[in-house]
C-alpha atoms as a PDB file:
ATOM      1  CA  VAL A   1      56.712 -66.811 -22.114  1.00  0.00           C
ATOM      2  CA  GLU A   2      53.374 -68.259 -21.041  1.00  0.00           C
ATOM      3  CA  GLY A   3      52.248 -67.804 -17.468  1.00  0.00           C
ATOM      4  CA  SER A   4      50.275 -65.580 -15.148  1.00  0.00           C
ATOM      5  CA  ILE A   5      50.875 -61.868 -15.031  1.00  0.00           C
ATOM      6  CA  ASP A   6      52.014 -62.379 -11.427  1.00  0.00           C
ATOM      7  CA  PHE A   7      55.319 -63.643 -12.795  1.00  0.00           C
ATOM      8  CA  CYS A   8      55.839 -60.959 -15.439  1.00  0.00           C
ATOM      9  CA  THR A   9      57.688 -57.695 -14.857  1.00  0.00           C
ATOM     10  CA  ASP A  10      58.404 -56.800 -18.483  1.00  0.00           C
ATOM     11  CA  GLN A  11      56.809 -54.067 -20.519  1.00  0.00           C
ATOM     12  CA  TRP A  12      55.946 -54.687 -24.159  1.00  0.00           C
ATOM     13  CA  PRO A  13      55.211 -52.513 -27.174  1.00  0.00           C
ATOM     14  CA  VAL A  14      51.474 -51.963 -27.597  1.00  0.00           C
ATOM     15  CA  GLU A  15      49.795 -51.417 -30.960  1.00  0.00           C
ATOM     16  CA  ARG A  16      46.322 -49.850 -30.910  1.00  0.00           C
ATOM     17  CA  GLN A  17      44.148 -50.637 -33.916  1.00  0.00           C
ATOM     18  CA  SER A  18      40.779 -49.487 -35.219  1.00  0.00           C
ATOM     19  CA  ASN A  19      38.256 -51.922 -36.672  1.00  0.00           C
ATOM     20  CA  PRO A  20      36.094 -51.105 -39.729  1.00  0.00           C
ATOM     21  CA  ASP A  21      34.000 -54.249 -39.205  1.00  0.00           C
ATOM     22  CA  LEU A  22      32.365 -53.255 -35.917  1.00  0.00           C
ATOM     23  CA  ASP A  23      28.665 -53.960 -35.460  1.00  0.00           C
ATOM     24  CA  PRO A  24      26.396 -51.556 -33.558  1.00  0.00           C
ATOM     25  CA  GLU A  25      25.742 -52.238 -29.901  1.00  0.00           C
ATOM     26  CA  ARG A  26      22.281 -53.567 -29.053  1.00  0.00           C
ATOM     27  CA  SER A  27      20.477 -53.175 -25.750  1.00  0.00           C
ATOM     28  CA  ARG A  28      17.298 -53.905 -23.843  1.00  0.00           C
ATOM     29  CA  GLN A  29      16.260 -51.965 -20.784  1.00  0.00           C
ATOM     30  CA  PHE A  30      13.566 -51.722 -18.177  1.00  0.00           C
ATOM     31  CA  SER A  31      12.796 -48.995 -15.673  1.00  0.00           C
ATOM     32  CA  LEU A  32      10.151 -48.349 -13.050  1.00  0.00           C
ATOM     33  CA  GLY A  33       9.907 -45.247 -10.922  1.00  0.00           C
ATOM     34  CA  THR A  34       7.755 -43.046  -8.774  1.00  0.00           C
ATOM     35  CA  VAL A  35       7.671 -39.373  -7.764  1.00  0.00           C
ATOM     36  CA  TYR A  36       6.212 -38.041  -4.515  1.00  0.00           C
ATOM     37  CA  GLU A  37       5.302 -34.338  -4.534  1.00  0.00           C
ATOM     38  CA  PRO A  38       3.363 -33.320  -1.421  1.00  0.00           C
ATOM     39  CA  SER A  39       3.703 -29.597  -2.187  1.00  0.00           C
ATOM     40  CA  GLU A  40       4.943 -27.163  -4.813  1.00  0.00           C
ATOM     41  CA  THR A  41       8.173 -26.705  -2.876  1.00  0.00           C
ATOM     42  CA  PHE A  42       9.207 -30.335  -2.363  1.00  0.00           C
ATOM     43  CA  ASN A  43       9.436 -33.520  -4.404  1.00  0.00           C
ATOM     44  CA  ILE A  44      11.400 -36.746  -4.308  1.00  0.00           C
ATOM     45  CA  GLY A  45      11.718 -39.443  -6.944  1.00  0.00           C
ATOM     46  CA  LEU A  46      13.055 -42.989  -7.051  1.00  0.00           C
ATOM     47  CA  GLU A  47      13.599 -45.072 -10.188  1.00  0.00           C
ATOM     48  CA  TYR A  48      14.872 -48.625 -10.621  1.00  0.00           C
ATOM     49  CA  TRP A  49      16.498 -49.511 -13.927  1.00  0.00           C
ATOM     50  CA  TYR A  50      17.991 -52.573 -15.576  1.00  0.00           C
ATOM     51  CA  LEU A  51      20.065 -52.594 -18.761  1.00  0.00           C
ATOM     52  CA  GLN A  52      21.407 -55.471 -20.827  1.00  0.00           C
ATOM     53  CA  LYS A  53      23.713 -54.706 -23.726  1.00  0.00           C
ATOM     54  CA  LYS A  54      25.150 -56.953 -26.447  1.00  0.00           C
ATOM     55  CA  ASP A  55      28.170 -56.518 -28.699  1.00  0.00           C
ATOM     56  CA  VAL A  56      29.756 -53.970 -26.374  1.00  0.00           C
ATOM     57  CA  ILE A  57      32.403 -51.979 -28.262  1.00  0.00           C
ATOM     58  CA  SER A  58      35.689 -51.707 -26.406  1.00  0.00           C
ATOM     59  CA  THR A  59      39.294 -52.849 -26.352  1.00  0.00           C
ATOM     60  CA  LEU A  60      40.585 -55.882 -24.514  1.00  0.00           C
ATOM     61  CA  GLY A  61      43.201 -54.512 -22.100  1.00  0.00           C
ATOM     62  CA  GLU A  62      46.747 -55.727 -21.602  1.00  0.00           C
ATOM     63  CA  GLN A  63      45.920 -57.125 -18.167  1.00  0.00           C
ATOM     64  CA  ILE A  64      43.185 -59.417 -19.500  1.00  0.00           C
ATOM     65  CA  ILE A  65      45.347 -60.535 -22.438  1.00  0.00           C
ATOM     66  CA  ILE A  66      48.454 -61.315 -20.386  1.00  0.00           C
ATOM     67  CA  GLU A  67      46.467 -63.154 -17.712  1.00  0.00           C
ATOM     68  CA  SER A  68      45.267 -65.666 -20.353  1.00  0.00           C
ATOM     69  CA  PRO A  69      48.050 -66.046 -22.937  1.00  0.00           C
ATOM     70  CA  GLU A  70      46.811 -69.497 -23.919  1.00  0.00           C
ATOM     71  CA  LEU A  71      43.609 -67.883 -25.250  1.00  0.00           C
ATOM     72  CA  TYR A  72      45.142 -64.907 -27.006  1.00  0.00           C
ATOM     73  CA  ASN A  73      48.402 -66.126 -28.560  1.00  0.00           C
ATOM     74  CA  GLY A  74      48.267 -65.197 -32.220  1.00  0.00           C
ATOM     75  CA  LEU A  75      45.188 -63.004 -31.744  1.00  0.00           C
ATOM     76  CA  TYR A  76      46.535 -60.199 -29.580  1.00  0.00           C
ATOM     77  CA  ILE A  77      49.965 -61.507 -28.596  1.00  0.00           C
ATOM     78  CA  GLU A  78      52.824 -61.556 -31.090  1.00  0.00           C
ATOM     79  CA  ARG A  79      56.037 -63.415 -30.268  1.00  0.00           C
ATOM     80  CA  ASP A  80      59.571 -63.325 -31.606  1.00  0.00           C
ATOM     81  CA  GLU A  81      61.464 -66.320 -32.944  1.00  0.00           C
ATOM     82  CA  ASP A  82      62.535 -67.253 -29.398  1.00  0.00           C
ATOM     83  CA  GLY A  83      58.941 -67.365 -28.141  1.00  0.00           C
ATOM     84  CA  PHE A  84      59.068 -64.154 -26.115  1.00  0.00           C
ATOM     85  CA  ILE A  85      56.298 -61.571 -26.353  1.00  0.00           C
ATOM     86  CA  SER A  86      57.269 -58.905 -28.885  1.00  0.00           C
ATOM     87  CA  ASN A  87      54.016 -56.984 -29.275  1.00  0.00           C
ATOM     88  CA  ILE A  88      50.510 -56.716 -27.823  1.00  0.00           C
ATOM     89  CA  ILE A  89      47.650 -55.696 -30.098  1.00  0.00           C
ATOM     90  CA  LEU A  90      44.749 -53.702 -28.686  1.00  0.00           C
ATOM     91  CA  ARG A  91      41.924 -53.628 -31.219  1.00  0.00           C
ATOM     92  CA  LYS A  92      38.450 -52.116 -31.002  1.00  0.00           C
ATOM     93  CA  GLU A  93      35.959 -54.952 -31.246  1.00  0.00           C
ATOM     94  CA  ASN A  94      32.503 -56.159 -30.334  1.00  0.00           C
ATOM     95  CA  GLN A  95      33.032 -57.824 -27.003  1.00  0.00           C
ATOM     96  CA  GLY A  96      30.490 -59.824 -25.028  1.00  0.00           C
ATOM     97  CA  LYS A  97      27.501 -58.740 -22.971  1.00  0.00           C
ATOM     98  CA  LEU A  98      26.914 -56.234 -20.199  1.00  0.00           C
ATOM     99  CA  LYS A  99      24.310 -56.526 -17.434  1.00  0.00           C
ATOM    100  CA  THR A 100      23.813 -53.635 -15.044  1.00  0.00           C
ATOM    101  CA  SER A 101      21.141 -52.326 -12.699  1.00  0.00           C
ATOM    102  CA  GLY A 102      20.670 -49.653 -10.084  1.00  0.00           C
ATOM    103  CA  PHE A 103      18.593 -46.827  -8.675  1.00  0.00           C
ATOM    104  CA  ASP A 104      18.334 -43.151  -9.599  1.00  0.00           C
ATOM    105  CA  ILE A 105      17.316 -40.783  -6.822  1.00  0.00           C
ATOM    106  CA  SER A 106      16.257 -37.167  -7.274  1.00  0.00           C
ATOM    107  CA  SER A 107      14.817 -34.519  -4.989  1.00  0.00           C
ATOM    108  CA  ARG A 108      14.158 -30.784  -4.856  1.00  0.00           C
ATOM    109  CA  LEU A 109      13.408 -28.570  -1.877  1.00  0.00           C
ATOM    110  CA  SER A 110      12.550 -24.893  -2.291  1.00  0.00           C
ATOM    111  CA  THR A 111      11.504 -22.056  -0.024  1.00  0.00           C
ATOM    112  CA  GLY A 112       9.421 -20.463  -2.734  1.00  0.00           C
ATOM    113  CA  GLU A 113       9.667 -16.727  -3.248  1.00  0.00           C
ATOM    114  CA  THR A 114      10.741 -14.726  -0.189  1.00  0.00           C
ATOM    115  CA  ASP A 115      11.789 -11.143   0.448  1.00  0.00           C
ATOM    116  CA  TYR A 116      15.396 -12.297   0.004  1.00  0.00           C
ATOM    117  CA  GLY A 117      14.880 -14.331  -3.154  1.00  0.00           C
ATOM    118  CA  THR A 118      14.248 -18.038  -3.726  1.00  0.00           C
ATOM    119  CA  PHE A 119      16.445 -20.630  -2.008  1.00  0.00           C
ATOM    120  CA  SER A 120      16.455 -24.226  -3.230  1.00  0.00           C
ATOM    121  CA  VAL A 121      18.384 -27.488  -3.040  1.00  0.00           C
ATOM    122  CA  ASP A 122      18.555 -29.967  -5.934  1.00  0.00           C
ATOM    123  CA  PHE A 123      19.856 -33.503  -5.459  1.00  0.00           C
ATOM    124  CA  THR A 124      20.453 -36.302  -7.967  1.00  0.00           C
ATOM    125  CA  GLY A 125      22.237 -39.567  -7.201  1.00  0.00           C
ATOM    126  CA  THR A 126      22.829 -42.969  -8.740  1.00  0.00           C
ATOM    127  CA  LEU A 127      23.400 -46.201  -6.826  1.00  0.00           C
ATOM    128  CA  ILE A 128      24.744 -49.060  -8.954  1.00  0.00           C
ATOM    129  CA  THR A 129      23.750 -52.454  -7.562  1.00  0.00           C
ATOM    130  CA  LYS A 130      25.073 -54.663 -10.373  1.00  0.00           C
ATOM    131  CA  TYR A 131      27.596 -54.322 -13.175  1.00  0.00           C
ATOM    132  CA  GLU A 132      28.724 -57.543 -14.843  1.00  0.00           C
ATOM    133  CA  ARG A 133      30.570 -57.515 -18.122  1.00  0.00           C
ATOM    134  CA  GLN A 134      32.377 -59.797 -20.529  1.00  0.00           C
ATOM    135  CA  PHE A 135      35.651 -58.164 -21.535  1.00  0.00           C
ATOM    136  CA  GLY A 136      35.875 -60.396 -24.594  1.00  0.00           C
ATOM    137  CA  PRO A 137      33.786 -63.047 -26.337  1.00  0.00           C
ATOM    138  CA  LEU A 138      35.950 -65.736 -24.713  1.00  0.00           C
ATOM    139  CA  GLU A 139      35.842 -64.181 -21.245  1.00  0.00           C
ATOM    140  CA  PRO A 140      33.486 -65.025 -18.347  1.00  0.00           C
ATOM    141  CA  TYR A 141      31.328 -62.367 -16.719  1.00  0.00           C
ATOM    142  CA  ARG A 142      33.281 -60.219 -14.282  1.00  0.00           C
ATOM    143  CA  SER A 143      31.948 -57.685 -11.823  1.00  0.00           C
ATOM    144  CA  ASN A 144      33.240 -54.182 -12.483  1.00  0.00           C
ATOM    145  CA  LEU A 145      31.310 -52.753  -9.544  1.00  0.00           C
ATOM    146  CA  GLY A 146      33.497 -50.797  -7.156  1.00  0.00           C
ATOM    147  CA  ARG A 147      36.740 -51.811  -8.858  1.00  0.00           C
ATOM    148  CA  PHE A 148      38.860 -50.964 -11.883  1.00  0.00           C
ATOM    149  CA  LEU A 149      38.970 -53.752 -14.451  1.00  0.00           C
ATOM    150  CA  ASN A 150      40.346 -53.683 -17.987  1.00  0.00           C
ATOM    151  CA  ASP A 151      39.372 -50.188 -19.177  1.00  0.00           C
ATOM    152  CA  GLN A 152      37.042 -48.672 -16.593  1.00  0.00           C
ATOM    153  CA  VAL A 153      35.776 -48.355 -13.056  1.00  0.00           C
ATOM    154  CA  ILE A 154      32.132 -48.321 -12.008  1.00  0.00           C
ATOM    155  CA  GLN A 155      31.661 -46.461  -8.734  1.00  0.00           C
ATOM    156  CA  ARG A 156      28.848 -47.730  -6.554  1.00  0.00           C
ATOM    157  CA  TRP A 157      27.616 -44.232  -5.792  1.00  0.00           C
ATOM    158  CA  ARG A 158      27.673 -40.838  -7.512  1.00  0.00           C
ATOM    159  CA  HIS A 159      25.719 -37.717  -6.717  1.00  0.00           C
ATOM    160  CA  ARG A 160      25.336 -34.030  -7.399  1.00  0.00           C
ATOM    161  CA  ILE A 161      23.847 -31.635  -4.870  1.00  0.00           C
ATOM    162  CA  ALA A 162      23.291 -27.976  -5.695  1.00  0.00           C
ATOM    163  CA  PHE A 163      22.422 -25.107  -3.368  1.00  0.00           C
ATOM    164  CA  ASN A 164      20.731 -22.368  -5.363  1.00  0.00           C
ATOM    165  CA  TRP A 165      19.753 -18.759  -4.777  1.00  0.00           C
ATOM    166  CA  ASP A 166      17.743 -16.725  -7.281  1.00  0.00           C
ATOM    167  CA  SER A 167      16.761 -13.112  -6.891  1.00  0.00           C
ATOM    168  CA  GLY A 168      15.394 -11.347  -9.923  1.00  0.00           C
ATOM    169  CA  PRO A 169      18.019 -11.348 -12.685  1.00  0.00           C
ATOM    170  CA  LEU A 170      20.751 -12.789 -10.443  1.00  0.00           C
ATOM    171  CA  GLY A 171      21.315 -16.479  -9.758  1.00  0.00           C
ATOM    172  CA  LEU A 172      24.021 -18.313  -7.777  1.00  0.00           C
ATOM    173  CA  THR A 173      24.716 -22.035  -7.396  1.00  0.00           C
ATOM    174  CA  PHE A 174      27.159 -23.824  -5.081  1.00  0.00           C
ATOM    175  CA  ALA A 175      27.302 -27.464  -6.182  1.00  0.00           C
ATOM    176  CA  ASN A 176      29.102 -30.651  -5.187  1.00  0.00           C
ATOM    177  CA  ASN A 177      29.886 -33.580  -7.500  1.00  0.00           C
ATOM    178  CA  TYR A 178      30.871 -36.768  -5.663  1.00  0.00           C
ATOM    179  CA  SER A 179      32.147 -40.185  -6.783  1.00  0.00           C
ATOM    180  CA  SER A 180      32.693 -42.949  -4.219  1.00  0.00           C
ATOM    181  CA  SER A 181      35.965 -44.779  -3.617  1.00  0.00           C
ATOM    182  CA  TYR A 182      36.798 -48.073  -5.323  1.00  0.00           C
ATOM    183  CA  ARG A 183      39.364 -50.871  -5.470  1.00  0.00           C
ATOM    184  CA  ASP A 184      42.291 -49.803  -7.633  1.00  0.00           C
ATOM    185  CA  GLN A 185      43.730 -51.660 -10.599  1.00  0.00           C
ATOM    186  CA  ASN A 186      46.583 -53.751  -9.278  1.00  0.00           C
ATOM    187  CA  THR A 187      49.198 -54.919 -11.772  1.00  0.00           C
ATOM    188  CA  THR A 188      52.327 -53.735  -9.939  1.00  0.00           C
ATOM    189  CA  TYR A 189      54.724 -56.594  -9.218  1.00  0.00           C
ATOM    190  CA  ASP A 190      57.190 -56.682  -6.318  1.00  0.00           C
ATOM    191  CA  PRO A 191      60.220 -58.797  -7.334  1.00  0.00           C
ATOM    192  CA  VAL A 192      61.432 -58.938  -3.721  1.00  0.00           C
ATOM    193  CA  SER A 193      58.333 -60.711  -2.379  1.00  0.00           C
ATOM    194  CA  ASP A 194      57.684 -62.417  -5.749  1.00  0.00           C
ATOM    195  CA  SER A 195      54.057 -61.238  -5.755  1.00  0.00           C
ATOM    196  CA  ARG A 196      51.824 -58.336  -6.610  1.00  0.00           C
ATOM    197  CA  LEU A 197      51.802 -55.371  -4.285  1.00  0.00           C
ATOM    198  CA  PRO A 198      48.898 -55.331  -1.791  1.00  0.00           C
ATOM    199  CA  SER A 199      45.552 -54.119  -3.083  1.00  0.00           C
ATOM    200  CA  ARG A 200      44.618 -50.515  -2.393  1.00  0.00           C
ATOM    201  CA  ASP A 201      41.567 -48.288  -2.704  1.00  0.00           C
ATOM    202  CA  VAL A 202      41.287 -45.086  -4.708  1.00  0.00           C
ATOM    203  CA  LYS A 203      39.886 -42.320  -2.526  1.00  0.00           C
ATOM    204  CA  ALA A 204      36.493 -40.769  -3.123  1.00  0.00           C
ATOM    205  CA  TYR A 205      36.459 -37.729  -5.406  1.00  0.00           C
ATOM    206  CA  SER A 206      34.540 -34.630  -4.372  1.00  0.00           C
ATOM    207  CA  LEU A 207      34.517 -31.276  -6.174  1.00  0.00           C
ATOM    208  CA  TRP A 208      32.707 -28.041  -5.354  1.00  0.00           C
ATOM    209  CA  ASP A 209      31.825 -25.479  -8.025  1.00  0.00           C
ATOM    210  CA  LEU A 210      30.501 -21.942  -7.635  1.00  0.00           C
ATOM    211  CA  THR A 211      28.601 -20.563 -10.615  1.00  0.00           C
ATOM    212  CA  GLY A 212      26.465 -17.519 -11.240  1.00  0.00           C
ATOM    213  CA  SER A 213      24.528 -15.737 -13.942  1.00  0.00           C
ATOM    214  CA  TYR A 214      23.063 -12.275 -14.437  1.00  0.00           C
ATOM    215  CA  LYS A 215      20.255 -11.588 -16.896  1.00  0.00           C
ATOM    216  CA  VAL A 216      20.860  -8.115 -18.299  1.00  0.00           C
ATOM    217  CA  ASN A 217      17.764  -8.225 -20.506  1.00  0.00           C
ATOM    218  CA  GLU A 218      15.731 -10.705 -22.541  1.00  0.00           C
ATOM    219  CA  GLN A 219      18.591 -11.159 -25.001  1.00  0.00           C
ATOM    220  CA  LEU A 220      21.767 -10.807 -22.949  1.00  0.00           C
ATOM    221  CA  ARG A 221      22.969 -12.987 -20.069  1.00  0.00           C
ATOM    222  CA  VAL A 222      26.402 -13.011 -18.399  1.00  0.00           C
ATOM    223  CA  ARG A 223      27.751 -16.182 -16.764  1.00  0.00           C
ATOM    224  CA  ALA A 224      30.792 -16.673 -14.524  1.00  0.00           C
ATOM    225  CA  GLY A 225      32.095 -19.290 -12.148  1.00  0.00           C
ATOM    226  CA  VAL A 226      34.855 -20.984 -10.201  1.00  0.00           C
ATOM    227  CA  LEU A 227      35.300 -24.687 -10.881  1.00  0.00           C
ATOM    228  CA  ASN A 228      36.948 -26.854  -8.224  1.00  0.00           C
ATOM    229  CA  VAL A 229      36.753 -24.103  -5.612  1.00  0.00           C
ATOM    230  CA  PHE A 230      38.948 -25.926  -3.083  1.00  0.00           C
ATOM    231  CA  ASP A 231      41.591 -26.892  -5.680  1.00  0.00           C
ATOM    232  CA  GLU A 232      41.310 -30.659  -5.129  1.00  0.00           C
ATOM    233  CA  ASP A 233      43.740 -32.968  -6.933  1.00  0.00           C
ATOM    234  CA  PRO A 234      42.499 -36.171  -8.576  1.00  0.00           C
ATOM    235  CA  PRO A 235      42.966 -39.173  -6.257  1.00  0.00           C
ATOM    236  CA  PHE A 236      45.996 -41.311  -7.048  1.00  0.00           C
ATOM    237  CA  SER A 237      45.360 -44.438  -9.104  1.00  0.00           C
ATOM    238  CA  ASN A 238      47.576 -47.263 -10.362  1.00  0.00           C
ATOM    239  CA  GLN A 239      45.466 -47.654 -13.519  1.00  0.00           C
ATOM    240  CA  ALA A 240      47.621 -48.651 -16.480  1.00  0.00           C
ATOM    241  CA  TYR A 241      45.042 -48.649 -19.282  1.00  0.00           C
ATOM    242  CA  TYR A 242      45.146 -44.943 -20.145  1.00  0.00           C
ATOM    243  CA  PHE A 243      48.332 -43.215 -21.274  1.00  0.00           C
ATOM    244  CA  ILE A 244      47.975 -40.632 -18.481  1.00  0.00           C
ATOM    245  CA  ALA A 245      49.485 -42.167 -15.357  1.00  0.00           C
ATOM    246  CA  SER A 246      48.792 -41.632 -11.635  1.00  0.00           C
ATOM    247  CA  TYR A 247      45.052 -40.876 -11.957  1.00  0.00           C
ATOM    248  CA  ASP A 248      41.969 -41.925 -13.927  1.00  0.00           C
ATOM    249  CA  PRO A 249      41.197 -39.314 -16.617  1.00  0.00           C
ATOM    250  CA  THR A 250      37.702 -40.650 -17.334  1.00  0.00           C
ATOM    251  CA  TYR A 251      36.033 -38.917 -14.384  1.00  0.00           C
ATOM    252  CA  THR A 252      38.628 -36.589 -12.824  1.00  0.00           C
ATOM    253  CA  ASP A 253      39.994 -33.180 -13.797  1.00  0.00           C
ATOM    254  CA  PRO A 254      43.711 -32.454 -13.223  1.00  0.00           C
ATOM    255  CA  ARG A 255      43.484 -28.719 -13.965  1.00  0.00           C
ATOM    256  CA  GLY A 256      42.760 -27.708 -10.389  1.00  0.00           C
ATOM    257  CA  ARG A 257      40.867 -24.530  -9.604  1.00  0.00           C
ATOM    258  CA  SER A 258      39.765 -22.685 -12.736  1.00  0.00           C
ATOM    259  CA  PHE A 259      37.670 -19.668 -13.622  1.00  0.00           C
ATOM    260  CA  TYR A 260      35.412 -18.908 -16.535  1.00  0.00           C
ATOM    261  CA  LEU A 261      33.397 -16.005 -17.902  1.00  0.00           C
ATOM    262  CA  GLY A 262      30.863 -16.188 -20.687  1.00  0.00           C
ATOM    263  CA  VAL A 263      28.293 -14.069 -22.446  1.00  0.00           C
ATOM    264  CA  GLU A 264      25.106 -15.402 -24.018  1.00  0.00           C
ATOM    265  CA  TYR A 265      23.235 -13.295 -26.549  1.00  0.00           C
ATOM    266  CA  LYS A 266      20.022 -14.348 -28.296  1.00  0.00           C
ATOM    267  CA  PHE A 267      19.262 -12.897 -31.706  1.00  0.00           C
ATOM    268  CA  ARG A 268      15.533 -12.408 -32.181  1.00  0.00           C
END
């Protein structure tokens, strides 16, 4: 029956539909940046960017639909003859607008060639300062920054830092990929207290990879590596949008530590 999701503990069948009538997304963007390079072994760059997108293609999630049944009855909510929800339709569609802005930071520090090879550090990071989105043409702007809403989370900060060593044909890289913590999706209802469970944060996600390559000759190169060296598990999440429960599959990897070996050969 109609009412806020706070008072609903049922689960309903969900039907996911495609949409052949989608229009392409349209966007306008602006960026301004600068790079400071006082020497051949050091540089640092900073860029501000702003992006506005229209007709964003996505699916209106169950949480948004159930929170406003008066808007979506007949569109995404089907009811039985007694008035109870019998089905929820999730359809790809052109939603509203998206407005986002932030800063990209990059830097490189190198020793230059030494008797022991070349040592260098590469850093790239993105700080999101604004992320406002309409999750449907009838929905107001909502901030997705630092919280999971509808179908995604936008972390405030992400970076990659790589420590490199190159010596002749041999190269090694030890790199970290980091995503900051955020406020979790919270749709879990506690019937004892007659309210949602308290809000929680998803922990930051940090992975280290060790990769290497050896150039045998101008045509042949061998690559190998260890991904997720410290065997980190994805942080727990309550997200209910994706069919995989207990973590967010859009930016995490549940496989744990893994190894790879590859050979690259160029035909000339």
